[in-house]
Amino acid sequence: MDVIFLMNNVWIVICAILVLVMQGGFILLEAGSVRMKNAGHIASKTVFTVGIVSLVFWAFGYGLIYVRALHS
């Protein structure tokens, strides 16, 4: 395989890990700004949103990133 293609894949995986870590921080930020009884709801809402966005990326974003690799 092409070295540039592999390095691009590594960069995308690193960025995905950073985004997931940032979502954990965002859960803590939102949970700190609401009452204790609503913290679980806020956390589940954020986890649900991450799941939906992951599915949308899988359906549309992956093809946009690798459009050149899929057609060669």
C-alpha atoms as a PDB file:
ATOM      1  CA  MET A   1       0.000   0.000   0.000  1.00  0.00           C
ATOM      2  CA  ASP A   2       0.957   3.576  -0.459  1.00  0.00           C
ATOM      3  CA  VAL A   3       2.735   5.165   2.501  1.00  0.00           C
ATOM      4  CA  ILE A   4       0.781   8.408   2.141  1.00  0.00           C
ATOM      5  CA  PHE A   5      -2.506   6.471   2.222  1.00  0.00           C
ATOM      6  CA  LEU A   6      -1.430   4.699   5.421  1.00  0.00           C
ATOM      7  CA  MET A   7      -0.319   7.944   7.062  1.00  0.00           C
ATOM      8  CA  ASN A   8      -3.665   9.540   6.160  1.00  0.00           C
ATOM      9  CA  ASN A   9      -5.466   6.634   7.828  1.00  0.00           C
ATOM     10  CA  VAL A  10      -3.348   6.989  10.961  1.00  0.00           C
ATOM     11  CA  TRP A  11      -4.101  10.716  11.074  1.00  0.00           C
ATOM     12  CA  ILE A  12      -7.859  10.100  10.755  1.00  0.00           C
ATOM     13  CA  VAL A  13      -7.770   7.536  13.578  1.00  0.00           C
ATOM     14  CA  ILE A  14      -5.820   9.942  15.820  1.00  0.00           C
ATOM     15  CA  CYS A  15      -8.330  12.710  15.100  1.00  0.00           C
ATOM     16  CA  ALA A  16     -11.246  10.376  15.829  1.00  0.00           C
ATOM     17  CA  ILE A  17      -9.725   9.444  19.186  1.00  0.00           C
ATOM     18  CA  LEU A  18      -9.240  13.125  20.032  1.00  0.00           C
ATOM     19  CA  VAL A  19     -12.868  13.870  19.174  1.00  0.00           C
ATOM     20  CA  LEU A  20     -14.102  11.046  21.418  1.00  0.00           C
ATOM     21  CA  VAL A  21     -11.935  12.311  24.292  1.00  0.00           C
ATOM     22  CA  MET A  22     -13.339  15.808  23.758  1.00  0.00           C
ATOM     23  CA  GLN A  23     -16.866  14.382  23.966  1.00  0.00           C
ATOM     24  CA  GLY A  24     -16.025  13.009  27.406  1.00  0.00           C
ATOM     25  CA  GLY A  25     -14.906  16.464  28.471  1.00  0.00           C
ATOM     26  CA  PHE A  26     -18.062  17.973  27.003  1.00  0.00           C
ATOM     27  CA  ILE A  27     -20.170  15.522  29.048  1.00  0.00           C
ATOM     28  CA  LEU A  28     -18.377  16.672  32.200  1.00  0.00           C
ATOM     29  CA  LEU A  29     -18.835  20.327  31.263  1.00  0.00           C
ATOM     30  CA  GLU A  30     -22.560  19.916  30.642  1.00  0.00           C
ATOM     31  CA  ALA A  31     -23.050  17.777  33.751  1.00  0.00           C
ATOM     32  CA  GLY A  32     -21.393  20.479  35.834  1.00  0.00           C
ATOM     33  CA  SER A  33     -23.781  23.129  34.579  1.00  0.00           C
ATOM     34  CA  VAL A  34     -27.041  21.333  35.448  1.00  0.00           C
ATOM     35  CA  ARG A  35     -28.580  19.948  38.610  1.00  0.00           C
ATOM     36  CA  MET A  36     -27.486  16.539  39.825  1.00  0.00           C
ATOM     37  CA  LYS A  37     -30.789  14.902  38.903  1.00  0.00           C
ATOM     38  CA  ASN A  38     -30.338  15.941  35.235  1.00  0.00           C
ATOM     39  CA  ALA A  39     -26.682  14.938  34.861  1.00  0.00           C
ATOM     40  CA  GLY A  40     -27.515  11.384  33.751  1.00  0.00           C
ATOM     41  CA  HIS A  41     -29.926  12.649  31.134  1.00  0.00           C
ATOM     42  CA  ILE A  42     -27.336  15.093  29.775  1.00  0.00           C
ATOM     43  CA  ALA A  43     -24.707  12.349  29.587  1.00  0.00           C
ATOM     44  CA  SER A  44     -27.040   9.952  27.785  1.00  0.00           C
ATOM     45  CA  LYS A  45     -28.062  12.707  25.352  1.00  0.00           C
ATOM     46  CA  THR A  46     -24.419  13.347  24.477  1.00  0.00           C
ATOM     47  CA  VAL A  47     -23.657   9.632  24.054  1.00  0.00           C
ATOM     48  CA  PHE A  48     -26.743   9.287  21.840  1.00  0.00           C
ATOM     49  CA  THR A  49     -25.605  12.236  19.730  1.00  0.00           C
ATOM     50  CA  VAL A  50     -22.124  10.727  19.304  1.00  0.00           C
ATOM     51  CA  GLY A  51     -23.745   7.480  18.141  1.00  0.00           C
ATOM     52  CA  ILE A  52     -25.946   9.234  15.582  1.00  0.00           C
ATOM     53  CA  VAL A  53     -23.037  11.305  14.261  1.00  0.00           C
ATOM     54  CA  SER A  54     -20.900   8.155  13.975  1.00  0.00           C
ATOM     55  CA  LEU A  55     -23.576   6.471  11.881  1.00  0.00           C
ATOM     56  CA  VAL A  56     -23.927   9.531   9.638  1.00  0.00           C
ATOM     57  CA  PHE A  57     -20.148   9.644   9.177  1.00  0.00           C
ATOM     58  CA  TRP A  58     -20.120   5.955   8.309  1.00  0.00           C
ATOM     59  CA  ALA A  59     -22.914   6.456   5.761  1.00  0.00           C
ATOM     60  CA  PHE A  60     -21.688   9.658   4.086  1.00  0.00           C
ATOM     61  CA  GLY A  61     -18.355  10.926   5.400  1.00  0.00           C
ATOM     62  CA  TYR A  62     -16.313   7.806   4.735  1.00  0.00           C
ATOM     63  CA  GLY A  63     -17.181   7.950   1.041  1.00  0.00           C
ATOM     64  CA  LEU A  64     -16.225  11.610   0.864  1.00  0.00           C
ATOM     65  CA  ILE A  65     -12.839  10.971   2.457  1.00  0.00           C
ATOM     66  CA  TYR A  66     -11.934   7.918   0.368  1.00  0.00           C
ATOM     67  CA  VAL A  67     -13.605   8.787  -2.927  1.00  0.00           C
ATOM     68  CA  ARG A  68     -10.294   8.738  -4.780  1.00  0.00           C
ATOM     69  CA  ALA A  69      -9.153   5.448  -3.164  1.00  0.00           C
ATOM     70  CA  LEU A  70     -12.432   3.705  -3.983  1.00  0.00           C
ATOM     71  CA  HIS A  71     -12.301   4.575  -7.678  1.00  0.00           C
ATOM     72  CA  SER A  72      -8.699   3.572  -8.333  1.00  0.00           C
END
